[in-house]
Amino acid sequence: MIVILMGVSGVGKTTVGELLAARTGWELLDADAFHPQSNIDKMRNGIPLTDDDRWPWLDRLHGVLRDKEQRGDSAILACSALKQRYRDRLAQGLADVRWVHLTGDFDLIKQRIEARKGHYMTAKLLESQFAALELPADALVLDVALDPASLSESIVRRLGLQATI
């Protein structure tokens, strides 16, 4: 099974993913680590990525997920996946993908982004992410006003995942 934690920047995909990985023993893949430097430079400078910027990144992520599934491994991916066509590209040909949409109030998420240290994604880009977001029809939707531990527990319970601890 592949669980993809999606949503705009600052919702806590990586934080929840780390807790989920600890609970399940599955590997967490952070999509941010797969961006080419050119994408990182654009975002650091407050320039939104285009689809042309995203396709190679999404294809690389899809390849990693496909390899995991072919080996019989489960994994967690923390990835914005804001548009349906991005989600379709990530899940193409995979047998068991579960989507978890972490969502919340714009002001709360903006505060979280502004409080982060050392991340290239700026609060300035948050509006463009909210504007680009296409709500998924097939996702477990969780409000990030809850603490990350509660979110992780809810995902384990509601997706019927086997917890190792």
C-alpha atoms as a PDB file:
ATOM      1  CA  MET A   1       0.000   0.000   0.000  1.00  0.00           C
ATOM      2  CA  ILE A   2       1.106   3.535  -0.755  1.00  0.00           C
ATOM      3  CA  VAL A   3      -0.282   6.298   1.468  1.00  0.00           C
ATOM      4  CA  ILE A   4       0.074   9.789   0.026  1.00  0.00           C
ATOM      5  CA  LEU A   5      -0.272  12.711   2.426  1.00  0.00           C
ATOM      6  CA  MET A   6      -1.261  15.691   0.288  1.00  0.00           C
ATOM      7  CA  GLY A   7      -2.079  19.342   0.784  1.00  0.00           C
ATOM      8  CA  VAL A   8      -0.646  22.816   0.552  1.00  0.00           C
ATOM      9  CA  SER A   9       2.711  23.691   2.045  1.00  0.00           C
ATOM     10  CA  GLY A  10       2.705  24.035   5.814  1.00  0.00           C
ATOM     11  CA  VAL A  11      -0.085  21.581   6.659  1.00  0.00           C
ATOM     12  CA  GLY A  12       2.348  19.167   8.300  1.00  0.00           C
ATOM     13  CA  LYS A  13       2.682  16.445   5.665  1.00  0.00           C
ATOM     14  CA  THR A  14       6.235  15.619   6.701  1.00  0.00           C
ATOM     15  CA  THR A  15       5.562  15.830  10.432  1.00  0.00           C
ATOM     16  CA  VAL A  16       2.491  13.584  10.197  1.00  0.00           C
ATOM     17  CA  GLY A  17       4.364  11.336   7.785  1.00  0.00           C
ATOM     18  CA  GLU A  18       7.221  10.873  10.264  1.00  0.00           C
ATOM     19  CA  LEU A  19       4.772   9.870  12.990  1.00  0.00           C
ATOM     20  CA  LEU A  20       2.938   7.555  10.599  1.00  0.00           C
ATOM     21  CA  ALA A  21       6.217   5.959   9.506  1.00  0.00           C
ATOM     22  CA  ALA A  22       7.154   5.374  13.140  1.00  0.00           C
ATOM     23  CA  ARG A  23       3.756   3.761  13.780  1.00  0.00           C
ATOM     24  CA  THR A  24       3.787   1.499  10.710  1.00  0.00           C
ATOM     25  CA  GLY A  25       7.472   0.848  10.107  1.00  0.00           C
ATOM     26  CA  TRP A  26       7.026   2.052   6.500  1.00  0.00           C
ATOM     27  CA  GLU A  27       9.486   4.321   4.738  1.00  0.00           C
ATOM     28  CA  LEU A  28       8.564   7.995   4.494  1.00  0.00           C
ATOM     29  CA  LEU A  29       9.393   9.655   1.195  1.00  0.00           C
ATOM     30  CA  ASP A  30       9.392  13.441   1.344  1.00  0.00           C
ATOM     31  CA  ALA A  31       8.630  14.765  -2.142  1.00  0.00           C
ATOM     32  CA  ASP A  32      10.552  17.966  -1.361  1.00  0.00           C
ATOM     33  CA  ALA A  33      13.772  15.910  -1.350  1.00  0.00           C
ATOM     34  CA  PHE A  34      13.149  14.904  -4.975  1.00  0.00           C
ATOM     35  CA  HIS A  35      12.903  18.434  -6.427  1.00  0.00           C
ATOM     36  CA  PRO A  36      15.692  19.478  -8.779  1.00  0.00           C
ATOM     37  CA  GLN A  37      17.694  22.497  -7.646  1.00  0.00           C
ATOM     38  CA  SER A  38      16.019  24.664 -10.308  1.00  0.00           C
ATOM     39  CA  ASN A  39      12.608  24.089  -8.680  1.00  0.00           C
ATOM     40  CA  ILE A  40      13.982  24.827  -5.226  1.00  0.00           C
ATOM     41  CA  ASP A  41      15.571  28.041  -6.482  1.00  0.00           C
ATOM     42  CA  LYS A  42      12.266  29.193  -8.000  1.00  0.00           C
ATOM     43  CA  MET A  43      10.306  28.507  -4.820  1.00  0.00           C
ATOM     44  CA  ARG A  44      12.971  30.104  -2.617  1.00  0.00           C
ATOM     45  CA  ASN A  45      12.597  33.235  -4.747  1.00  0.00           C
ATOM     46  CA  GLY A  46       8.798  33.211  -4.403  1.00  0.00           C
ATOM     47  CA  ILE A  47       8.158  32.016  -7.963  1.00  0.00           C
ATOM     48  CA  PRO A  48       5.389  29.385  -8.278  1.00  0.00           C
ATOM     49  CA  LEU A  49       6.287  26.236 -10.188  1.00  0.00           C
ATOM     50  CA  THR A  50       4.681  25.599 -13.565  1.00  0.00           C
ATOM     51  CA  ASP A  51       3.391  22.256 -14.798  1.00  0.00           C
ATOM     52  CA  ASP A  52       6.537  22.003 -16.929  1.00  0.00           C
ATOM     53  CA  ASP A  53       8.574  22.302 -13.714  1.00  0.00           C
ATOM     54  CA  ARG A  54       6.481  19.665 -11.983  1.00  0.00           C
ATOM     55  CA  TRP A  55       6.169  16.867 -14.567  1.00  0.00           C
ATOM     56  CA  PRO A  56       9.752  15.535 -14.295  1.00  0.00           C
ATOM     57  CA  TRP A  57       9.517  15.718 -10.498  1.00  0.00           C
ATOM     58  CA  LEU A  58       6.188  13.865 -10.469  1.00  0.00           C
ATOM     59  CA  ASP A  59       7.536  11.244 -12.882  1.00  0.00           C
ATOM     60  CA  ARG A  60      10.545  10.686 -10.623  1.00  0.00           C
ATOM     61  CA  LEU A  61       8.262  10.246  -7.608  1.00  0.00           C
ATOM     62  CA  HIS A  62       6.019   7.872  -9.554  1.00  0.00           C
ATOM     63  CA  GLY A  63       9.046   5.765 -10.462  1.00  0.00           C
ATOM     64  CA  VAL A  64      10.060   5.486  -6.817  1.00  0.00           C
ATOM     65  CA  LEU A  65       6.503   4.494  -5.803  1.00  0.00           C
ATOM     66  CA  ARG A  66       6.294   1.961  -8.636  1.00  0.00           C
ATOM     67  CA  ASP A  67       9.601   0.402  -7.544  1.00  0.00           C
ATOM     68  CA  LYS A  68       8.370   0.193  -3.944  1.00  0.00           C
ATOM     69  CA  GLU A  69       5.145  -1.497  -4.996  1.00  0.00           C
ATOM     70  CA  GLN A  70       6.935  -3.940  -7.325  1.00  0.00           C
ATOM     71  CA  ARG A  71       9.142  -5.015  -4.395  1.00  0.00           C
ATOM     72  CA  GLY A  72       6.037  -5.514  -2.257  1.00  0.00           C
ATOM     73  CA  ASP A  73       6.939  -2.627   0.049  1.00  0.00           C
ATOM     74  CA  SER A  74       4.484  -0.186   1.530  1.00  0.00           C
ATOM     75  CA  ALA A  75       5.445   3.480   1.777  1.00  0.00           C
ATOM     76  CA  ILE A  76       4.252   6.925   2.772  1.00  0.00           C
ATOM     77  CA  LEU A  77       4.733   9.890   0.453  1.00  0.00           C
ATOM     78  CA  ALA A  78       4.439  13.471   1.691  1.00  0.00           C
ATOM     79  CA  CYS A  79       3.623  15.454  -1.454  1.00  0.00           C
ATOM     80  CA  SER A  80       1.521  18.515  -2.239  1.00  0.00           C
ATOM     81  CA  ALA A  81      -0.264  16.804  -5.197  1.00  0.00           C
ATOM     82  CA  LEU A  82      -2.500  19.858  -5.517  1.00  0.00           C
ATOM     83  CA  LYS A  83      -4.167  19.045  -8.833  1.00  0.00           C
ATOM     84  CA  GLN A  84      -6.041  15.946  -9.904  1.00  0.00           C
ATOM     85  CA  ARG A  85      -3.774  15.453 -12.914  1.00  0.00           C
ATOM     86  CA  TYR A  86      -0.760  15.414 -10.557  1.00  0.00           C
ATOM     87  CA  ARG A  87      -2.447  12.796  -8.390  1.00  0.00           C
ATOM     88  CA  ASP A  88      -3.322  10.774 -11.488  1.00  0.00           C
ATOM     89  CA  ARG A  89       0.317  10.920 -12.609  1.00  0.00           C
ATOM     90  CA  LEU A  90       1.592   9.785  -9.198  1.00  0.00           C
ATOM     91  CA  ALA A  91      -0.854   6.887  -8.930  1.00  0.00           C
ATOM     92  CA  GLN A  92      -0.767   5.724 -12.560  1.00  0.00           C
ATOM     93  CA  GLY A  93      -0.645   1.942 -12.686  1.00  0.00           C
ATOM     94  CA  LEU A  94      -0.261   1.503  -8.929  1.00  0.00           C
ATOM     95  CA  ALA A  95      -2.521  -1.085  -7.334  1.00  0.00           C
ATOM     96  CA  ASP A  96      -3.185   0.354  -3.885  1.00  0.00           C
ATOM     97  CA  VAL A  97      -2.864   4.095  -3.285  1.00  0.00           C
ATOM     98  CA  ARG A  98      -4.635   5.803  -0.387  1.00  0.00           C
ATOM     99  CA  TRP A  99      -4.925   9.590  -0.355  1.00  0.00           C
ATOM    100  CA  VAL A 100      -4.981  11.652   2.838  1.00  0.00           C
ATOM    101  CA  HIS A 101      -5.732  15.354   2.342  1.00  0.00           C
ATOM    102  CA  LEU A 102      -4.394  17.445   5.197  1.00  0.00           C
ATOM    103  CA  THR A 103      -6.250  20.735   5.114  1.00  0.00           C
ATOM    104  CA  GLY A 104      -6.907  23.719   7.290  1.00  0.00           C
ATOM    105  CA  ASP A 105      -7.486  27.397   7.723  1.00  0.00           C
ATOM    106  CA  PHE A 106      -5.307  29.686   5.559  1.00  0.00           C
ATOM    107  CA  ASP A 107      -4.210  31.882   8.489  1.00  0.00           C
ATOM    108  CA  LEU A 108      -3.184  28.892  10.638  1.00  0.00           C
ATOM    109  CA  ILE A 109      -1.140  27.406   7.816  1.00  0.00           C
ATOM    110  CA  LYS A 110       0.456  30.771   7.008  1.00  0.00           C
ATOM    111  CA  GLN A 111       1.519  31.126  10.653  1.00  0.00           C
ATOM    112  CA  ARG A 112       3.112  27.685  10.522  1.00  0.00           C
ATOM    113  CA  ILE A 113       5.041  28.513   7.357  1.00  0.00           C
ATOM    114  CA  GLU A 114       6.260  31.798   8.807  1.00  0.00           C
ATOM    115  CA  ALA A 115       7.477  29.966  11.928  1.00  0.00           C
ATOM    116  CA  ARG A 116       9.488  27.365   9.952  1.00  0.00           C
ATOM    117  CA  LYS A 117      13.221  27.666   9.794  1.00  0.00           C
ATOM    118  CA  GLY A 118      15.368  26.549   6.880  1.00  0.00           C
ATOM    119  CA  HIS A 119      12.632  25.639   4.405  1.00  0.00           C
ATOM    120  CA  TYR A 120      12.634  27.117   0.913  1.00  0.00           C
ATOM    121  CA  MET A 121       8.859  27.393   0.627  1.00  0.00           C
ATOM    122  CA  THR A 122       7.759  30.892   1.575  1.00  0.00           C
ATOM    123  CA  ALA A 123       4.427  32.084   2.915  1.00  0.00           C
ATOM    124  CA  LYS A 124       4.231  34.287  -0.187  1.00  0.00           C
ATOM    125  CA  LEU A 125       3.518  31.176  -2.280  1.00  0.00           C
ATOM    126  CA  LEU A 126       0.730  29.903  -0.038  1.00  0.00           C
ATOM    127  CA  GLU A 127      -1.971  31.884  -1.843  1.00  0.00           C
ATOM    128  CA  SER A 128      -0.933  30.371  -5.171  1.00  0.00           C
ATOM    129  CA  GLN A 129      -1.092  26.894  -3.637  1.00  0.00           C
ATOM    130  CA  PHE A 130      -4.597  27.451  -2.289  1.00  0.00           C
ATOM    131  CA  ALA A 131      -5.627  28.813  -5.701  1.00  0.00           C
ATOM    132  CA  ALA A 132      -4.175  25.761  -7.489  1.00  0.00           C
ATOM    133  CA  LEU A 133      -5.666  23.205  -5.084  1.00  0.00           C
ATOM    134  CA  GLU A 134      -8.280  20.924  -6.629  1.00  0.00           C
ATOM    135  CA  LEU A 135     -10.092  19.091  -3.861  1.00  0.00           C
ATOM    136  CA  PRO A 136      -9.714  15.329  -4.174  1.00  0.00           C
ATOM    137  CA  ALA A 137     -12.856  13.251  -4.429  1.00  0.00           C
ATOM    138  CA  ASP A 138     -11.265  10.089  -3.098  1.00  0.00           C
ATOM    139  CA  ALA A 139      -9.263  11.169  -0.053  1.00  0.00           C
ATOM    140  CA  LEU A 140      -9.522  10.905   3.678  1.00  0.00           C
ATOM    141  CA  VAL A 141      -9.774  14.591   4.669  1.00  0.00           C
ATOM    142  CA  LEU A 142      -8.310  15.667   8.005  1.00  0.00           C
ATOM    143  CA  ASP A 143      -8.183  19.140   9.566  1.00  0.00           C
ATOM    144  CA  VAL A 144      -4.689  20.148  10.676  1.00  0.00           C
ATOM    145  CA  ALA A 145      -6.087  22.093  13.602  1.00  0.00           C
ATOM    146  CA  LEU A 146      -5.652  18.705  15.318  1.00  0.00           C
ATOM    147  CA  ASP A 147      -2.204  17.889  16.626  1.00  0.00           C
ATOM    148  CA  PRO A 148       0.062  15.686  14.449  1.00  0.00           C
ATOM    149  CA  ALA A 149      -0.132  12.687  16.813  1.00  0.00           C
ATOM    150  CA  SER A 150      -3.943  12.706  16.638  1.00  0.00           C
ATOM    151  CA  LEU A 151      -3.815  13.018  12.852  1.00  0.00           C
ATOM    152  CA  SER A 152      -1.412  10.069  12.607  1.00  0.00           C
ATOM    153  CA  GLU A 153      -3.592   7.965  14.888  1.00  0.00           C
ATOM    154  CA  SER A 154      -6.692   8.833  12.858  1.00  0.00           C
ATOM    155  CA  ILE A 155      -4.954   7.779   9.634  1.00  0.00           C
ATOM    156  CA  VAL A 156      -3.868   4.448  11.116  1.00  0.00           C
ATOM    157  CA  ARG A 157      -7.374   3.769  12.423  1.00  0.00           C
ATOM    158  CA  ARG A 158      -9.399   5.021   9.434  1.00  0.00           C
ATOM    159  CA  LEU A 159      -7.234   3.383   6.763  1.00  0.00           C
ATOM    160  CA  GLY A 160      -6.933   0.176   8.771  1.00  0.00           C
ATOM    161  CA  LEU A 161      -3.131   0.258   8.823  1.00  0.00           C
ATOM    162  CA  GLN A 162      -1.159  -2.176  10.922  1.00  0.00           C
ATOM    163  CA  ALA A 163       0.679  -0.261  13.625  1.00  0.00           C
ATOM    164  CA  THR A 164       4.017  -1.721  14.728  1.00  0.00           C
ATOM    165  CA  ILE A 165       3.898   0.067  18.084  1.00  0.00           C
END
